[in-house]
Amino acid sequence: MMIQNTRLLLTALLMCCAFLLLQACASMDPDYEEPTVTLSSFRAMPSEGGIPTFEIGLHVLNPNAAAFRLEGVVYTVSIQGHDVVKGVGKDFPVMEGYSEQTIKLTATANLFAGIRLVMDLMNSADKDLNYEFEARLDTGGFGRSIRIRENGAFRMDGKNRANNLVNDTPQPKT
């Protein structure tokens, strides 16, 4: 009797594993292309209580026929290596197949990281400030998280590199 119950339990366990394996394989689409996510905007917003608040825009492009839902987003904005903004977001609209849209995140600055950043800036002669934006977008399902990382530099005096570009190609004489 004990051996028969063990066999029955083992058979049920193997059937469950086979079912889960088939479900995982069925959800894998060989033509699946990871959605593209880019940072489209980052702006300061009016804040209450003196703590800066920011609006972050993420442009999401779904190159697949199947729609997906963003379950949640976890993100960090670092300046000069200081994590000045960390946040999460949820309740986003469904991303239809072959579509694109911009989602907005609202973030509050980390006051102590901001103070450390200001202290470092006062001790530094460097005019370029390096930033990094990292985000993980959870699309639900098995391992289909989208990770993005964008970095670059900006200047506080408004003389950013894009404004200082010089055309080095010789101009034709007229």
Protein backbone atom coordinates (compact mmCIF):
# COMPACT_ATOMS: atom_id res chain seq x y z
CA MET A 1 0.00 0.00 0.00
CA MET A 2 2.81 2.39 0.92
CA ILE A 3 4.67 1.68 -2.35
CA GLN A 4 1.50 2.26 -4.39
CA ASN A 5 0.92 5.68 -2.71
CA THR A 6 4.53 6.65 -3.34
CA ARG A 7 4.24 5.71 -7.02
CA LEU A 8 1.00 7.65 -7.32
CA LEU A 9 2.57 10.72 -5.68
CA LEU A 10 5.65 10.44 -7.88
CA THR A 11 3.50 10.12 -11.02
CA ALA A 12 1.44 13.18 -10.05
CA LEU A 13 4.62 15.16 -9.37
CA LEU A 14 6.12 14.20 -12.74
CA MET A 15 2.86 15.14 -14.51
CA CYS A 16 2.91 18.58 -12.85
CA CYS A 17 6.54 19.11 -13.87
CA ALA A 18 5.79 18.09 -17.45
CA PHE A 19 2.79 20.43 -17.56
CA LEU A 20 4.89 23.36 -16.26
CA LEU A 21 7.63 22.60 -18.77
CA LEU A 22 5.14 22.54 -21.65
CA GLN A 23 3.63 25.86 -20.47
CA ALA A 24 7.09 27.45 -20.36
CA CYS A 25 7.92 26.22 -23.86
CA ALA A 26 4.57 27.40 -25.21
CA SER A 27 5.21 30.91 -23.93
CA MET A 28 8.53 31.14 -25.77
CA ASP A 29 8.06 32.77 -29.15
CA PRO A 30 10.99 32.28 -31.55
CA ASP A 31 10.12 35.58 -33.27
CA TYR A 32 9.96 37.49 -29.98
CA GLU A 33 11.94 40.72 -30.08
CA GLU A 34 12.63 42.55 -26.83
CA PRO A 35 10.71 45.82 -26.59
CA THR A 36 12.82 48.97 -26.84
CA VAL A 37 12.76 51.41 -23.95
CA THR A 38 14.49 54.80 -24.02
CA LEU A 39 14.61 57.74 -21.67
CA SER A 40 12.55 60.44 -23.39
CA SER A 41 12.34 63.17 -20.74
CA PHE A 42 13.51 64.16 -17.29
CA ARG A 43 12.17 67.35 -15.79
CA ALA A 44 11.77 68.98 -12.41
CA MET A 45 8.23 69.49 -11.17
CA PRO A 46 6.78 71.82 -8.55
CA SER A 47 7.22 70.15 -5.18
CA GLU A 48 5.67 70.36 -1.79
CA GLY A 49 7.75 70.42 1.37
CA GLY A 50 11.01 71.46 -0.27
CA ILE A 51 12.00 68.00 -1.55
CA PRO A 52 12.52 68.06 -5.33
CA THR A 53 10.15 65.98 -7.45
CA PHE A 54 10.87 64.86 -11.02
CA GLU A 55 8.87 63.49 -13.92
CA ILE A 56 10.64 60.82 -15.96
CA GLY A 57 9.33 59.85 -19.39
CA LEU A 58 10.09 56.42 -20.83
CA HIS A 59 9.32 55.75 -24.49
CA VAL A 60 8.33 52.09 -24.95
CA LEU A 61 8.20 50.48 -28.41
CA ASN A 62 6.63 47.02 -28.79
CA PRO A 63 7.92 45.41 -32.03
CA ASN A 64 5.91 42.20 -31.49
CA ALA A 65 2.41 41.15 -32.56
CA ALA A 66 1.48 40.18 -29.01
CA ALA A 67 0.46 42.79 -26.47
CA PHE A 68 2.07 42.88 -23.05
CA ARG A 69 1.34 44.58 -19.77
CA LEU A 70 3.97 46.38 -17.74
CA GLU A 71 3.51 45.04 -14.24
CA GLY A 72 5.97 47.43 -12.66
CA VAL A 73 9.11 49.54 -13.04
CA VAL A 74 12.07 49.96 -10.68
CA TYR A 75 14.49 52.77 -11.52
CA THR A 76 17.49 54.74 -10.25
CA VAL A 77 18.97 58.06 -11.37
CA SER A 78 22.58 58.63 -10.33
CA ILE A 79 24.61 61.81 -10.69
CA GLN A 80 28.35 61.62 -10.11
CA GLY A 81 27.83 58.16 -8.59
CA HIS A 82 25.21 59.33 -6.06
CA ASP A 83 21.78 57.66 -6.28
CA VAL A 84 19.78 60.89 -6.08
CA VAL A 85 16.47 59.39 -7.27
CA LYS A 86 15.14 55.88 -6.69
CA GLY A 87 11.60 54.84 -7.30
CA VAL A 88 9.01 52.35 -8.47
CA GLY A 89 5.90 52.57 -10.62
CA LYS A 90 2.92 50.38 -11.44
CA ASP A 91 -0.54 50.47 -13.05
CA PHE A 92 0.59 51.11 -16.61
CA PRO A 93 -1.59 50.61 -19.71
CA VAL A 94 -1.35 47.52 -21.89
CA MET A 95 1.20 47.85 -24.70
CA GLU A 96 -0.61 46.68 -27.81
CA GLY A 97 1.30 44.79 -30.51
CA TYR A 98 3.28 46.94 -32.97
CA SER A 99 2.72 50.10 -30.95
CA GLU A 100 4.64 52.66 -28.97
CA GLN A 101 3.82 55.01 -26.16
CA THR A 102 5.44 57.13 -23.47
CA ILE A 103 4.88 56.29 -19.83
CA LYS A 104 5.44 58.81 -17.07
CA LEU A 105 7.08 58.12 -13.72
CA THR A 106 7.06 60.52 -10.79
CA ALA A 107 10.07 60.42 -8.51
CA THR A 108 11.20 62.19 -5.36
CA ALA A 109 14.84 62.98 -4.72
CA ASN A 110 16.83 61.34 -1.94
CA LEU A 111 17.62 64.32 0.27
CA PHE A 112 20.79 62.89 1.83
CA ALA A 113 22.23 61.70 -1.48
CA GLY A 114 21.51 65.19 -2.85
CA ILE A 115 23.40 66.79 0.03
CA ARG A 116 26.38 64.46 -0.55
CA LEU A 117 26.29 65.35 -4.26
CA VAL A 118 26.32 69.09 -3.50
CA MET A 119 29.24 68.61 -1.08
CA ASP A 120 31.18 66.70 -3.76
CA LEU A 121 30.41 69.38 -6.35
CA MET A 122 31.73 72.12 -4.06
CA ASN A 123 35.01 70.21 -3.70
CA SER A 124 35.33 69.45 -7.41
CA ALA A 125 36.44 71.68 -10.25
CA ASP A 126 34.89 69.34 -12.83
CA LYS A 127 32.16 71.13 -14.80
CA ASP A 128 30.77 67.99 -16.47
CA LEU A 129 28.33 65.99 -14.36
CA ASN A 130 27.98 62.33 -15.23
CA TYR A 131 24.54 60.80 -14.95
CA GLU A 132 23.22 57.26 -15.21
CA PHE A 133 19.63 56.10 -15.51
CA GLU A 134 18.88 52.44 -14.82
CA ALA A 135 15.49 50.77 -14.95
CA ARG A 136 14.02 47.29 -14.87
CA LEU A 137 10.57 46.91 -16.42
CA ASP A 138 8.68 43.80 -15.34
CA THR A 139 6.47 42.51 -18.15
CA GLY A 140 5.23 39.54 -16.14
CA GLY A 141 5.80 36.02 -17.34
CA PHE A 142 8.95 33.98 -17.14
CA GLY A 143 12.10 36.11 -17.12
CA ARG A 144 10.82 38.77 -19.49
CA SER A 145 12.15 41.81 -17.70
CA ILE A 146 13.49 44.67 -19.77
CA ARG A 147 16.60 46.32 -18.41
CA ILE A 148 17.84 49.64 -19.65
CA ARG A 149 20.84 51.77 -18.77
CA GLU A 150 21.53 55.17 -20.25
CA ASN A 151 24.39 57.40 -19.24
CA GLY A 152 26.01 60.60 -20.32
CA ALA A 153 27.11 63.98 -19.06
CA PHE A 154 25.65 67.43 -18.73
CA ARG A 155 26.84 70.79 -17.47
CA MET A 156 25.21 73.00 -14.90
CA ASP A 157 26.22 76.18 -16.76
CA GLY A 158 24.06 75.26 -19.77
CA LYS A 159 27.04 74.82 -22.11
CA ASN A 160 26.31 71.20 -22.92
CA ARG A 161 28.26 69.45 -25.62
CA ALA A 162 25.41 69.42 -28.12
CA ASN A 163 25.43 73.22 -28.07
CA ASN A 164 29.19 73.36 -28.62
CA LEU A 165 29.39 71.20 -31.73
CA VAL A 166 31.49 72.69 -34.48
CA ASN A 167 31.19 71.58 -38.06
CA ASP A 168 34.73 70.54 -39.04
CA THR A 169 33.92 69.67 -42.65
CA PRO A 170 35.21 72.22 -45.12
CA GLN A 171 32.49 74.32 -46.68
CA PRO A 172 32.47 74.64 -50.47
CA LYS A 173 33.44 78.09 -51.71
CA THR A 174 30.76 79.90 -53.60
